[in-house]
Amino acid sequence: MREEHLIIATLQEDVALTLDDLCATASVTREWVVTRVEEGLLPAGEAAPDAWRFGSRELRRAREMRRIERTFDAAPELAALVVDLLEEIEALRARLR
């Protein structure tokens, strides 16, 4: 898939990105994703890595985790915790509306 098509596809809620698509769109390596999936920080299902499919939520999570890790030199576990808290805040704000 070309980069511009991936970006457009990620705007759709029913998108199913492969591992390679997620890596290209989130600007991360396969090893980065596999490590975080194995550690339970990024959901991907029970199948082998080549069968994993990621939705727009996982894409947003991967991008945000990568940003936090790089910006603050944070450990992956800490970045995942921060993203969990940000997602919870977003959900609470949506409930208030």
N, C-alpha and C. Protein backbone atom coordinates (compact mmCIF):
# COMPACT_ATOMS: atom_id res chain seq x y z
N MET A 1 0.84 -1.18 0.00
CA MET A 1 0.00 0.00 0.00
C MET A 1 0.89 1.25 0.00
N ARG A 2 0.54 2.22 -0.78
CA ARG A 2 1.30 3.46 -0.80
C ARG A 2 1.01 4.27 0.45
N GLU A 3 1.97 5.09 0.86
CA GLU A 3 1.86 5.87 2.09
C GLU A 3 0.60 6.72 2.14
N GLU A 4 0.27 7.42 1.05
CA GLU A 4 -0.92 8.28 1.06
C GLU A 4 -2.20 7.46 1.20
N HIS A 5 -2.22 6.25 0.63
CA HIS A 5 -3.39 5.39 0.79
C HIS A 5 -3.49 4.88 2.22
N LEU A 6 -2.36 4.62 2.86
CA LEU A 6 -2.37 4.18 4.25
C LEU A 6 -2.93 5.27 5.15
N ILE A 7 -2.53 6.49 4.91
CA ILE A 7 -3.01 7.59 5.74
C ILE A 7 -4.51 7.76 5.57
N ILE A 8 -4.99 7.68 4.36
CA ILE A 8 -6.44 7.78 4.12
C ILE A 8 -7.16 6.61 4.76
N ALA A 9 -6.60 5.42 4.63
CA ALA A 9 -7.24 4.22 5.19
C ALA A 9 -7.30 4.29 6.71
N THR A 10 -6.32 4.90 7.34
CA THR A 10 -6.31 4.96 8.79
C THR A 10 -7.39 5.86 9.34
N LEU A 11 -7.95 6.72 8.52
CA LEU A 11 -9.03 7.58 8.96
C LEU A 11 -10.34 6.80 9.09
N GLN A 12 -10.39 5.64 8.49
CA GLN A 12 -11.57 4.80 8.57
C GLN A 12 -11.49 3.94 9.82
N GLU A 13 -12.61 3.78 10.50
CA GLU A 13 -12.62 3.00 11.73
C GLU A 13 -12.44 1.50 11.50
N ASP A 14 -12.83 1.01 10.35
CA ASP A 14 -12.78 -0.43 10.11
C ASP A 14 -11.49 -0.86 9.41
N VAL A 15 -10.46 -0.03 9.46
CA VAL A 15 -9.21 -0.34 8.80
C VAL A 15 -8.54 -1.54 9.47
N ALA A 16 -7.88 -2.36 8.69
CA ALA A 16 -7.14 -3.51 9.21
C ALA A 16 -5.75 -3.49 8.60
N LEU A 17 -4.82 -2.87 9.31
CA LEU A 17 -3.45 -2.75 8.83
C LEU A 17 -2.65 -4.01 9.16
N THR A 18 -1.82 -4.42 8.24
CA THR A 18 -0.89 -5.51 8.52
C THR A 18 0.25 -4.97 9.38
N LEU A 19 1.11 -5.85 9.84
CA LEU A 19 2.26 -5.43 10.62
C LEU A 19 3.13 -4.45 9.83
N ASP A 20 3.39 -4.78 8.57
CA ASP A 20 4.21 -3.89 7.74
C ASP A 20 3.53 -2.55 7.48
N ASP A 21 2.20 -2.57 7.28
CA ASP A 21 1.46 -1.32 7.09
C ASP A 21 1.54 -0.45 8.34
N LEU A 22 1.37 -1.07 9.50
CA LEU A 22 1.45 -0.33 10.76
C LEU A 22 2.83 0.28 10.93
N CYS A 23 3.85 -0.50 10.64
CA CYS A 23 5.23 0.00 10.76
C CYS A 23 5.46 1.20 9.86
N ALA A 24 5.00 1.11 8.62
CA ALA A 24 5.20 2.20 7.67
C ALA A 24 4.42 3.44 8.09
N THR A 25 3.20 3.26 8.53
CA THR A 25 2.34 4.38 8.88
C THR A 25 2.74 5.04 10.19
N ALA A 26 3.19 4.24 11.15
CA ALA A 26 3.59 4.78 12.45
C ALA A 26 5.07 5.13 12.53
N SER A 27 5.81 4.85 11.47
CA SER A 27 7.26 5.12 11.42
C SER A 27 8.02 4.39 12.52
N VAL A 28 7.74 3.10 12.64
CA VAL A 28 8.44 2.25 13.60
C VAL A 28 8.93 0.99 12.88
N THR A 29 9.81 0.26 13.52
CA THR A 29 10.33 -0.97 12.94
C THR A 29 9.46 -2.16 13.35
N ARG A 30 9.62 -3.25 12.61
CA ARG A 30 8.91 -4.49 12.97
C ARG A 30 9.30 -4.92 14.38
N GLU A 31 10.58 -4.81 14.70
CA GLU A 31 11.07 -5.22 16.02
C GLU A 31 10.41 -4.41 17.13
N TRP A 32 10.21 -3.10 16.87
CA TRP A 32 9.57 -2.23 17.85
C TRP A 32 8.16 -2.73 18.14
N VAL A 33 7.40 -3.02 17.09
CA VAL A 33 6.02 -3.48 17.26
C VAL A 33 5.98 -4.85 17.92
N VAL A 34 6.78 -5.79 17.42
CA VAL A 34 6.77 -7.16 17.96
C VAL A 34 7.11 -7.14 19.45
N THR A 35 8.10 -6.36 19.84
CA THR A 35 8.47 -6.28 21.25
C THR A 35 7.32 -5.77 22.10
N ARG A 36 6.65 -4.72 21.64
CA ARG A 36 5.55 -4.15 22.43
C ARG A 36 4.33 -5.06 22.46
N VAL A 37 4.10 -5.80 21.40
CA VAL A 37 3.00 -6.77 21.41
C VAL A 37 3.33 -7.90 22.39
N GLU A 38 4.55 -8.41 22.33
CA GLU A 38 4.96 -9.50 23.22
C GLU A 38 4.90 -9.08 24.69
N GLU A 39 5.16 -7.80 24.96
CA GLU A 39 5.12 -7.29 26.33
C GLU A 39 3.71 -6.92 26.77
N GLY A 40 2.73 -7.03 25.85
CA GLY A 40 1.34 -6.70 26.18
C GLY A 40 1.03 -5.22 26.17
N LEU A 41 1.88 -4.42 25.55
CA LEU A 41 1.70 -2.98 25.52
C LEU A 41 0.91 -2.50 24.31
N LEU A 42 0.83 -3.35 23.30
CA LEU A 42 0.12 -3.02 22.07
C LEU A 42 -0.68 -4.26 21.66
N PRO A 43 -2.01 -4.17 21.64
CA PRO A 43 -2.81 -5.35 21.31
C PRO A 43 -2.71 -5.74 19.84
N ALA A 44 -2.63 -7.07 19.60
CA ALA A 44 -2.53 -7.55 18.22
C ALA A 44 -3.20 -8.89 18.01
N GLY A 45 -3.67 -9.53 19.03
CA GLY A 45 -4.28 -10.85 18.87
C GLY A 45 -3.30 -11.96 19.17
N GLU A 46 -3.74 -13.15 18.97
CA GLU A 46 -2.95 -14.33 19.34
C GLU A 46 -2.17 -14.96 18.20
N ALA A 47 -2.40 -14.55 16.99
CA ALA A 47 -1.79 -15.19 15.82
C ALA A 47 -0.32 -14.81 15.69
N ALA A 48 0.31 -15.38 14.69
CA ALA A 48 1.70 -15.06 14.37
C ALA A 48 1.79 -13.63 13.85
N PRO A 49 2.94 -12.98 13.98
CA PRO A 49 3.08 -11.58 13.57
C PRO A 49 2.60 -11.27 12.15
N ASP A 50 2.83 -12.15 11.20
CA ASP A 50 2.38 -11.86 9.83
C ASP A 50 0.87 -11.91 9.67
N ALA A 51 0.17 -12.47 10.65
CA ALA A 51 -1.30 -12.53 10.59
C ALA A 51 -1.95 -11.43 11.44
N TRP A 52 -1.15 -10.66 12.16
CA TRP A 52 -1.70 -9.59 12.99
C TRP A 52 -2.40 -8.54 12.13
N ARG A 53 -3.48 -7.99 12.66
CA ARG A 53 -4.18 -6.89 12.03
C ARG A 53 -4.41 -5.82 13.09
N PHE A 54 -4.19 -4.57 12.68
CA PHE A 54 -4.29 -3.45 13.60
C PHE A 54 -5.32 -2.47 13.08
N GLY A 55 -6.10 -1.92 13.99
CA GLY A 55 -7.09 -0.91 13.63
C GLY A 55 -6.56 0.48 13.88
N SER A 56 -7.42 1.46 13.68
CA SER A 56 -7.01 2.85 13.85
C SER A 56 -6.65 3.16 15.30
N ARG A 57 -7.30 2.49 16.25
CA ARG A 57 -6.97 2.69 17.67
C ARG A 57 -5.54 2.26 17.97
N GLU A 58 -5.16 1.10 17.44
CA GLU A 58 -3.79 0.60 17.67
C GLU A 58 -2.76 1.49 16.97
N LEU A 59 -3.13 2.01 15.81
CA LEU A 59 -2.23 2.93 15.10
C LEU A 59 -2.00 4.19 15.93
N ARG A 60 -3.08 4.78 16.44
CA ARG A 60 -2.94 5.97 17.28
C ARG A 60 -2.10 5.65 18.51
N ARG A 61 -2.34 4.50 19.11
CA ARG A 61 -1.59 4.09 20.30
C ARG A 61 -0.10 3.94 19.98
N ALA A 62 0.23 3.28 18.89
CA ALA A 62 1.63 3.08 18.51
C ALA A 62 2.31 4.42 18.26
N ARG A 63 1.65 5.30 17.53
CA ARG A 63 2.24 6.62 17.25
C ARG A 63 2.49 7.41 18.53
N GLU A 64 1.51 7.39 19.42
CA GLU A 64 1.65 8.14 20.67
C GLU A 64 2.73 7.52 21.57
N MET A 65 2.77 6.21 21.64
CA MET A 65 3.82 5.56 22.43
C MET A 65 5.21 5.90 21.88
N ARG A 66 5.35 5.85 20.56
CA ARG A 66 6.64 6.18 19.94
C ARG A 66 7.03 7.62 20.25
N ARG A 67 6.07 8.53 20.16
CA ARG A 67 6.35 9.94 20.43
C ARG A 67 6.80 10.14 21.88
N ILE A 68 6.12 9.51 22.80
CA ILE A 68 6.47 9.66 24.22
C ILE A 68 7.84 9.04 24.50
N GLU A 69 8.09 7.86 23.93
CA GLU A 69 9.39 7.22 24.13
C GLU A 69 10.52 8.10 23.63
N ARG A 70 10.36 8.68 22.45
CA ARG A 70 11.42 9.50 21.86
C ARG A 70 11.55 10.86 22.53
N THR A 71 10.44 11.52 22.78
CA THR A 71 10.47 12.87 23.33
C THR A 71 11.02 12.89 24.75
N PHE A 72 10.58 11.93 25.55
CA PHE A 72 10.94 11.93 26.96
C PHE A 72 11.94 10.83 27.34
N ASP A 73 12.46 10.13 26.33
CA ASP A 73 13.38 9.02 26.57
C ASP A 73 12.76 8.05 27.59
N ALA A 74 11.47 7.78 27.41
CA ALA A 74 10.70 6.97 28.35
C ALA A 74 10.82 5.49 28.01
N ALA A 75 10.76 4.67 29.03
CA ALA A 75 10.70 3.23 28.86
C ALA A 75 9.38 2.87 28.19
N PRO A 76 9.35 1.80 27.41
CA PRO A 76 8.10 1.41 26.74
C PRO A 76 6.92 1.24 27.70
N GLU A 77 7.17 0.69 28.86
CA GLU A 77 6.10 0.48 29.84
C GLU A 77 5.52 1.81 30.31
N LEU A 78 6.39 2.79 30.53
CA LEU A 78 5.93 4.10 30.96
C LEU A 78 5.14 4.79 29.85
N ALA A 79 5.63 4.69 28.62
CA ALA A 79 4.92 5.28 27.48
C ALA A 79 3.53 4.67 27.35
N ALA A 80 3.42 3.35 27.51
CA ALA A 80 2.13 2.68 27.42
C ALA A 80 1.19 3.14 28.54
N LEU A 81 1.73 3.32 29.74
CA LEU A 81 0.91 3.80 30.85
C LEU A 81 0.39 5.21 30.58
N VAL A 82 1.24 6.07 30.06
CA VAL A 82 0.82 7.44 29.74
C VAL A 82 -0.28 7.41 28.68
N VAL A 83 -0.12 6.57 27.67
CA VAL A 83 -1.14 6.46 26.62
C VAL A 83 -2.44 5.92 27.21
N ASP A 84 -2.35 4.95 28.11
CA ASP A 84 -3.56 4.46 28.79
C ASP A 84 -4.29 5.60 29.50
N LEU A 85 -3.54 6.42 30.21
CA LEU A 85 -4.15 7.53 30.93
C LEU A 85 -4.74 8.57 29.98
N LEU A 86 -4.04 8.85 28.89
CA LEU A 86 -4.58 9.79 27.90
C LEU A 86 -5.87 9.27 27.27
N GLU A 87 -5.91 7.96 26.99
CA GLU A 87 -7.13 7.37 26.43
C GLU A 87 -8.27 7.43 27.43
N GLU A 88 -7.97 7.22 28.71
CA GLU A 88 -9.00 7.29 29.75
C GLU A 88 -9.54 8.72 29.88
N ILE A 89 -8.66 9.70 29.83
CA ILE A 89 -9.09 11.10 29.89
C ILE A 89 -9.99 11.41 28.70
N GLU A 90 -9.61 10.95 27.52
CA GLU A 90 -10.42 11.18 26.32
C GLU A 90 -11.81 10.55 26.47
N ALA A 91 -11.85 9.33 27.00
CA ALA A 91 -13.14 8.66 27.19
C ALA A 91 -14.01 9.39 28.21
N LEU A 92 -13.41 9.88 29.28
CA LEU A 92 -14.16 10.63 30.30
C LEU A 92 -14.70 11.94 29.74
N ARG A 93 -13.88 12.62 28.95
CA ARG A 93 -14.34 13.87 28.32
C ARG A 93 -15.49 13.61 27.36
N ALA A 94 -15.43 12.50 26.64
CA ALA A 94 -16.51 12.16 25.72
C ALA A 94 -17.80 11.88 26.49
N ARG A 95 -17.68 11.25 27.64
CA ARG A 95 -18.87 10.99 28.46
C ARG A 95 -19.49 12.27 28.99
N LEU A 96 -18.65 13.26 29.29
CA LEU A 96 -19.16 14.53 29.81
C LEU A 96 -19.93 15.31 28.75
N ARG A 97 -19.59 15.10 27.49
CA ARG A 97 -20.28 15.81 26.40
C ARG A 97 -21.58 15.22 26.20
